[in-house]
N, C-alpha and C. Protein backbone atom coordinates (compact mmCIF):
# COMPACT_ATOMS: atom_id res chain seq x y z
N MET A 1 166.86 100.09 121.76
CA MET A 1 165.90 99.60 122.34
C MET A 1 164.82 100.78 122.37
N LEU A 2 165.61 102.27 121.65
CA LEU A 2 165.34 102.91 121.91
C LEU A 2 164.70 103.05 120.15
N ASN A 3 165.56 102.27 118.84
CA ASN A 3 164.66 101.81 117.81
C ASN A 3 163.55 100.83 117.71
N ARG A 4 163.37 100.64 118.56
CA ARG A 4 162.00 99.25 118.70
C ARG A 4 160.70 100.40 119.47
N TYR A 5 161.28 100.84 120.65
CA TYR A 5 160.09 102.08 121.29
C TYR A 5 159.82 103.28 119.58
N ARG A 6 160.63 103.08 118.69
CA ARG A 6 160.10 104.37 118.00
C ARG A 6 159.17 103.97 116.88
N ALA A 7 159.66 102.47 116.95
CA ALA A 7 159.03 101.74 115.85
C ALA A 7 157.53 101.69 116.14
N SER A 8 157.97 100.78 117.18
CA SER A 8 155.92 100.75 117.58
C SER A 8 154.91 101.79 117.89
N ILE A 9 155.89 103.23 118.51
CA ILE A 9 154.82 103.89 118.33
C ILE A 9 154.29 104.73 116.95
N ILE A 10 155.54 104.72 115.67
CA ILE A 10 155.47 104.89 114.56
C ILE A 10 154.50 104.19 114.28
N ALA A 11 154.22 102.58 114.24
CA ALA A 11 152.98 101.58 113.83
C ALA A 11 151.90 102.36 114.87
N ILE A 12 151.55 102.41 116.01
CA ILE A 12 150.10 102.48 115.72
C ILE A 12 149.92 103.27 115.92
N VAL A 13 150.95 104.92 115.05
CA VAL A 13 150.52 106.13 115.35
C VAL A 13 150.02 105.81 113.58
N MET A 14 150.66 104.24 112.92
CA MET A 14 150.04 104.08 111.40
C MET A 14 148.63 104.08 111.45
N LEU A 15 148.41 102.93 112.87
CA LEU A 15 146.28 101.85 112.95
C LEU A 15 146.42 102.77 112.35
N ILE A 16 145.99 103.96 113.79
CA ILE A 16 145.06 104.78 114.11
C ILE A 16 145.36 105.45 113.20
N SER A 17 145.85 106.11 112.29
CA SER A 17 146.12 106.85 111.16
C SER A 17 145.02 105.85 109.68
N LEU A 18 144.80 105.02 109.97
CA LEU A 18 144.84 104.28 109.13
C LEU A 18 143.44 103.61 109.26
N SER A 19 142.98 104.18 110.21
CA SER A 19 141.28 103.34 110.42
C SER A 19 140.04 104.64 111.37
N GLY A 20 138.87 103.75 111.61
CA GLY A 20 137.48 105.42 111.62
C GLY A 20 137.09 104.60 111.65
N CYS A 21 135.72 105.18 112.71
CA CYS A 21 134.66 105.51 113.25
C CYS A 21 133.78 105.59 111.02
N PHE A 22 132.14 105.83 111.13
CA PHE A 22 131.20 106.80 110.75
C PHE A 22 129.46 106.21 111.18
N SER A 23 129.45 107.36 110.98
CA SER A 23 127.74 107.07 110.95
C SER A 23 127.38 107.85 110.26
N SER A 24 126.07 107.07 109.83
CA SER A 24 125.24 108.00 108.19
C SER A 24 123.78 107.63 108.20
N GLY A 25 123.12 108.91 107.51
CA GLY A 25 121.68 108.69 108.06
C GLY A 25 121.50 109.06 106.11
N GLU A 26 120.16 108.38 106.13
CA GLU A 26 119.70 109.16 104.50
C GLU A 26 118.43 108.45 104.31
N GLN A 27 117.79 109.06 103.16
CA GLN A 27 116.06 109.08 103.90
C GLN A 27 116.40 109.34 102.26
N LYS A 28 114.79 108.37 101.44
CA LYS A 28 114.73 108.42 100.59
C LYS A 28 113.57 108.31 99.89
N GLY A 29 113.15 109.10 98.98
CA GLY A 29 110.94 108.43 98.27
C GLY A 29 110.54 109.57 98.57
N VAL A 30 109.36 109.97 99.13
CA VAL A 30 108.61 110.22 99.23
C VAL A 30 108.28 111.56 100.57
N MET A 31 108.01 112.26 100.98
CA MET A 31 108.16 113.57 102.63
C MET A 31 106.39 112.09 102.62
N ASN A 32 106.45 111.17 104.31
CA ASN A 32 105.22 110.55 104.85
C ASN A 32 104.87 111.45 105.16
N LYS A 33 103.40 112.27 104.48
CA LYS A 33 102.77 113.31 104.92
C LYS A 33 101.00 112.72 105.19
N TRP A 34 101.28 111.51 104.96
CA TRP A 34 100.38 110.43 105.90
C TRP A 34 100.61 110.22 106.94
N ARG A 35 100.84 110.91 107.53
CA ARG A 35 101.33 110.45 108.80
C ARG A 35 101.15 111.41 109.30
N ASP A 36 100.98 112.92 108.95
CA ASP A 36 100.99 114.48 109.92
C ASP A 36 99.30 113.96 110.12
N PRO A 37 99.91 114.98 111.93
CA PRO A 37 98.60 114.32 112.09
C PRO A 37 97.09 115.52 111.90
N SER A 38 97.98 116.21 111.65
CA SER A 38 96.41 117.66 111.20
C SER A 38 96.11 116.90 109.08
N LEU A 39 96.14 116.11 109.20
CA LEU A 39 95.81 115.86 107.78
C LEU A 39 94.03 115.08 107.27
N PRO A 40 93.78 116.20 106.94
CA PRO A 40 92.40 116.43 106.43
C PRO A 40 92.27 114.71 106.13
N SER A 41 90.56 115.12 106.46
CA SER A 41 90.04 113.53 106.38
C SER A 41 89.34 113.28 104.91
N LEU A 42 90.57 111.89 105.49
CA LEU A 42 90.00 110.80 102.92
C LEU A 42 88.96 109.56 103.66
N VAL A 43 88.00 110.94 102.50
CA VAL A 43 87.14 109.73 102.71
C VAL A 43 87.17 108.76 101.23
N LYS A 44 85.96 107.08 101.94
CA LYS A 44 86.62 107.11 100.42
C LYS A 44 84.59 106.94 100.13
N GLY A 45 85.08 107.26 98.06
CA GLY A 45 83.87 107.11 97.81
C GLY A 45 83.65 108.70 97.32
N GLN A 46 84.89 109.94 98.34
CA GLN A 46 84.50 110.65 98.61
C GLN A 46 85.70 111.41 97.73
N THR A 47 86.64 111.68 98.69
CA THR A 47 87.34 112.30 98.11
C THR A 47 88.26 111.77 96.75
N THR A 48 88.75 112.78 95.61
CA THR A 48 89.42 112.61 94.43
C THR A 48 91.31 111.86 94.81
N GLN A 49 91.29 111.63 93.00
CA GLN A 49 93.22 111.42 92.81
C GLN A 49 93.41 112.89 93.53
N SER A 50 92.85 114.43 92.17
CA SER A 50 93.67 115.33 92.50
C SER A 50 93.31 115.76 94.08
N GLU A 51 92.88 115.37 94.96
CA GLU A 51 92.89 116.20 96.15
C GLU A 51 93.93 115.13 96.91
N ILE A 52 94.25 113.91 96.77
CA ILE A 52 95.24 113.26 97.20
C ILE A 52 96.31 113.63 97.10
N LEU A 53 96.92 114.13 95.38
CA LEU A 53 97.04 114.93 94.74
C LEU A 53 98.12 116.00 95.33
N GLU A 54 96.86 116.96 95.50
CA GLU A 54 97.70 118.06 96.26
C GLU A 54 97.81 118.05 97.64
N ILE A 55 97.22 117.25 98.87
CA ILE A 55 97.80 117.16 99.75
C ILE A 55 98.94 116.28 100.24
N PHE A 56 99.62 115.21 99.24
CA PHE A 56 100.67 114.10 99.41
C PHE A 56 101.29 114.81 98.21
N GLY A 57 101.22 115.16 97.68
CA GLY A 57 102.41 115.68 96.27
C GLY A 57 101.91 113.79 95.10
N PRO A 58 103.67 114.51 94.58
CA PRO A 58 102.96 112.93 93.17
C PRO A 58 103.63 111.86 94.59
N PRO A 59 103.47 111.24 93.36
CA PRO A 59 103.42 109.48 94.23
C PRO A 59 104.48 108.86 93.62
N SER A 60 105.03 107.63 94.82
CA SER A 60 106.03 107.53 94.13
C SER A 60 106.21 106.24 92.48
N GLN A 61 105.23 106.04 92.83
CA GLN A 61 104.37 104.94 91.22
C GLN A 61 103.09 105.53 91.53
N ILE A 62 102.89 105.26 90.28
CA ILE A 62 101.08 105.05 89.57
C ILE A 62 101.11 103.88 89.05
N ILE A 63 99.81 103.10 89.14
CA ILE A 63 99.58 100.89 89.07
C ILE A 63 98.53 101.81 88.29
N ASN A 64 98.21 100.62 87.28
CA ASN A 64 96.60 101.18 85.66
C ASN A 64 96.61 99.66 86.27
N LEU A 65 95.43 99.87 86.84
CA LEU A 65 95.14 98.67 86.76
C LEU A 65 93.16 97.94 85.81
N GLY A 66 93.61 98.77 85.16
CA GLY A 66 92.01 98.29 83.87
C GLY A 66 91.63 99.48 85.03
N ASP A 67 91.02 99.11 84.69
CA ASP A 67 89.28 100.30 85.11
C ASP A 67 89.67 101.16 85.84
N GLN A 68 90.60 100.50 87.20
CA GLN A 68 91.66 101.60 88.52
C GLN A 68 92.55 101.61 88.13
N SER A 69 93.06 102.22 89.25
CA SER A 69 94.49 103.32 89.12
C SER A 69 94.84 103.22 90.81
N VAL A 70 96.33 103.39 90.92
CA VAL A 70 96.90 103.43 92.12
C VAL A 70 97.53 103.37 92.16
N PHE A 71 97.97 105.00 93.61
CA PHE A 71 98.66 106.05 93.94
C PHE A 71 100.14 104.60 95.00
N TYR A 72 101.59 104.79 94.32
CA TYR A 72 101.75 104.64 95.78
C TYR A 72 103.19 105.40 96.20
N TYR A 73 102.94 105.12 98.17
CA TYR A 73 103.81 106.63 97.77
C TYR A 73 104.94 105.75 99.28
N VAL A 74 105.51 105.64 98.67
CA VAL A 74 107.24 105.58 100.00
C VAL A 74 107.71 106.20 100.28
N LEU A 75 108.60 105.96 101.80
CA LEU A 75 109.59 106.80 102.29
C LEU A 75 110.16 105.68 102.07
N GLU A 76 112.23 105.85 101.83
CA GLU A 76 112.69 104.35 102.99
C GLU A 76 113.77 105.63 104.26
N LYS A 77 113.81 105.52 105.09
CA LYS A 77 114.53 106.00 106.35
C LYS A 77 116.31 104.80 105.95
N ALA A 78 117.12 105.31 106.19
CA ALA A 78 117.84 104.58 106.66
C ALA A 78 119.32 104.65 107.36
N ARG A 79 119.76 104.05 108.78
CA ARG A 79 120.93 104.42 109.53
C ARG A 79 122.28 104.04 109.44
N GLY A 80 122.92 103.85 109.21
CA GLY A 80 124.00 103.00 109.77
C GLY A 80 125.38 103.73 110.26
N ARG A 81 126.72 102.65 110.98
CA ARG A 81 127.40 103.42 111.44
C ARG A 81 128.30 102.24 111.00
N GLY A 82 129.27 102.38 111.78
CA GLY A 82 130.71 101.18 111.63
C GLY A 82 132.43 101.77 111.58
N ALA A 83 132.89 100.53 111.86
CA ALA A 83 134.69 101.45 111.76
C ALA A 83 135.30 100.80 110.99
N PHE A 84 136.20 100.80 110.16
CA PHE A 84 137.23 101.00 109.54
C PHE A 84 138.21 101.00 110.07
N LEU A 85 138.66 99.48 110.28
CA LEU A 85 140.09 99.53 110.69
C LEU A 85 140.70 98.66 110.12
N LEU A 86 142.42 98.89 109.69
CA LEU A 86 143.90 98.41 109.37
C LEU A 86 143.13 96.15 109.52
N VAL A 87 142.85 95.66 109.86
CA VAL A 87 142.73 94.84 109.79
C VAL A 87 141.04 94.06 109.81
N PHE A 88 140.44 94.97 110.46
CA PHE A 88 138.88 94.79 110.44
C PHE A 88 137.72 95.59 110.35
N ASN A 89 136.82 95.14 109.63
CA ASN A 89 136.07 95.53 109.06
C ASN A 89 134.76 95.87 109.82
N TRP A 90 133.91 96.16 110.07
CA TRP A 90 132.50 96.52 110.38
C TRP A 90 131.11 97.10 110.08
N LYS A 91 130.26 96.86 109.94
CA LYS A 91 129.35 97.46 109.28
C LYS A 91 128.77 97.52 109.66
N GLU A 92 127.07 98.29 109.82
CA GLU A 92 125.99 98.37 109.89
C GLU A 92 124.60 98.95 110.18
N LYS A 93 124.02 98.25 109.32
CA LYS A 93 122.84 99.05 108.49
C LYS A 93 120.98 98.98 109.10
N GLU A 94 120.31 99.32 108.99
CA GLU A 94 118.23 100.02 109.70
C GLU A 94 118.04 100.52 108.33
N VAL A 95 117.42 99.29 108.05
CA VAL A 95 116.46 100.26 106.53
C VAL A 95 115.13 99.91 107.87
N SER A 96 114.21 101.76 107.51
CA SER A 96 113.06 101.20 107.93
C SER A 96 112.05 101.87 106.54
N TYR A 97 111.00 101.35 106.24
CA TYR A 97 110.39 101.85 105.36
C TYR A 97 109.53 102.45 105.62
N ASP A 98 108.22 103.37 105.00
CA ASP A 98 106.81 103.73 105.71
C ASP A 98 105.76 103.43 104.44
N ARG A 99 105.17 103.31 104.05
CA ARG A 99 104.19 102.97 102.52
C ARG A 99 103.39 103.50 102.29
N ALA A 100 101.94 104.60 101.81
CA ALA A 100 101.40 104.76 101.81
C ALA A 100 100.49 104.05 100.16
N ILE A 101 98.63 103.52 99.79
CA ILE A 101 98.39 102.72 98.70
C ILE A 101 97.34 103.47 99.35
N PHE A 102 96.99 103.85 97.50
CA PHE A 102 95.95 104.96 97.40
C PHE A 102 94.52 103.91 96.13
N PHE A 103 93.77 103.47 96.37
CA PHE A 103 92.90 103.08 95.12
C PHE A 103 92.19 103.82 94.53
N PHE A 104 92.34 104.12 93.41
CA PHE A 104 90.90 104.85 92.66
C PHE A 104 90.19 104.51 91.18
N ASP A 105 89.22 104.49 91.09
CA ASP A 105 87.54 104.05 90.52
C ASP A 105 87.98 104.69 88.96
N SER A 106 87.83 103.66 88.48
CA SER A 106 87.67 105.41 86.93
C SER A 106 87.17 107.02 86.32
N ASP A 107 86.79 106.29 88.01
CA ASP A 107 86.24 108.15 87.68
C ASP A 107 86.89 109.19 88.43
N GLY A 108 88.14 108.24 89.23
CA GLY A 108 89.05 108.97 89.92
C GLY A 108 89.01 109.39 91.12
N VAL A 109 87.89 108.22 91.90
CA VAL A 109 87.28 108.30 93.11
C VAL A 109 87.92 107.60 94.48
N LEU A 110 88.34 108.17 95.34
CA LEU A 110 88.69 106.76 95.92
C LEU A 110 88.25 105.92 96.97
N THR A 111 88.71 104.12 96.16
CA THR A 111 87.73 103.57 97.32
C THR A 111 88.16 102.46 97.98
N ASP A 112 89.69 102.81 98.38
CA ASP A 112 89.98 102.17 99.44
C ASP A 112 91.70 102.99 99.65
N TYR A 113 92.06 102.81 100.81
CA TYR A 113 93.63 102.77 100.91
C TYR A 113 94.00 102.78 101.89
N ALA A 114 95.28 102.61 102.44
CA ALA A 114 95.47 101.92 103.39
C ALA A 114 97.45 102.38 103.60
N TYR A 115 97.84 102.75 104.65
CA TYR A 115 98.93 102.95 105.32
C TYR A 115 100.11 101.07 106.29
N SER A 116 101.13 100.97 105.46
CA SER A 116 102.26 100.73 106.16
C SER A 116 101.99 100.45 108.38
N ASN A 117 101.76 99.36 108.37
CA ASN A 117 102.54 99.46 109.62
C ASN A 117 103.42 99.83 110.91
N GLU A 118 104.46 99.43 109.53
CA GLU A 118 106.14 99.81 109.84
C GLU A 118 106.09 101.24 109.15
N LYS A 119 106.98 101.90 110.44
CA LYS A 119 106.32 103.63 109.90
C LYS A 119 107.49 104.76 110.66
N VAL A 120 108.15 105.70 109.98
CA VAL A 120 109.31 106.12 110.19
C VAL A 120 108.50 107.64 110.91
N GLU A 121 109.05 107.83 111.75
CA GLU A 121 108.16 109.04 112.38
C GLU A 121 108.20 109.92 111.42
N TYR A 122 107.30 111.09 111.62
CA TYR A 122 107.03 112.12 110.84
C TYR A 122 107.04 113.73 111.29
N GLU A 123 108.34 113.86 109.78
CA GLU A 123 108.62 115.45 110.39
C GLU A 123 108.78 115.76 109.57
N SER A 124 107.44 117.08 109.61
CA SER A 124 106.99 118.25 109.11
C SER A 124 107.96 119.12 108.48
N GLU A 125 107.07 119.11 107.59
CA GLU A 125 108.88 120.66 106.82
C GLU A 125 108.32 121.97 107.10
N PRO A 126 109.51 122.10 107.51
CA PRO A 126 109.93 123.63 108.01
C PRO A 126 109.42 125.16 107.40
């Protein structure tokens, strides 16, 4: 009887030691400075590519559309959690995207811009 009790205790300890829970977070892309409330005003027909680069830094992607160019900025933020057990595994991941896109004419002047409806809360740099 004592051996069964010990074997049960050892089995439970092994199950606990071979299992675990986790939480994770990761961020990819550029900082979403376009969500900064102290952002200087952007004026269509007046703001230039170099001003956008100065404010937001290098874009995630530059797209050439013939006589136009597009600066595309994206921030991806993921949060996850889960549990790994000997018999059962569970994992959940939530991903949010925040985007900004700026269109420029052949002279490098802003013609249009937009921000995604989905957004990641802006966190200023320290």
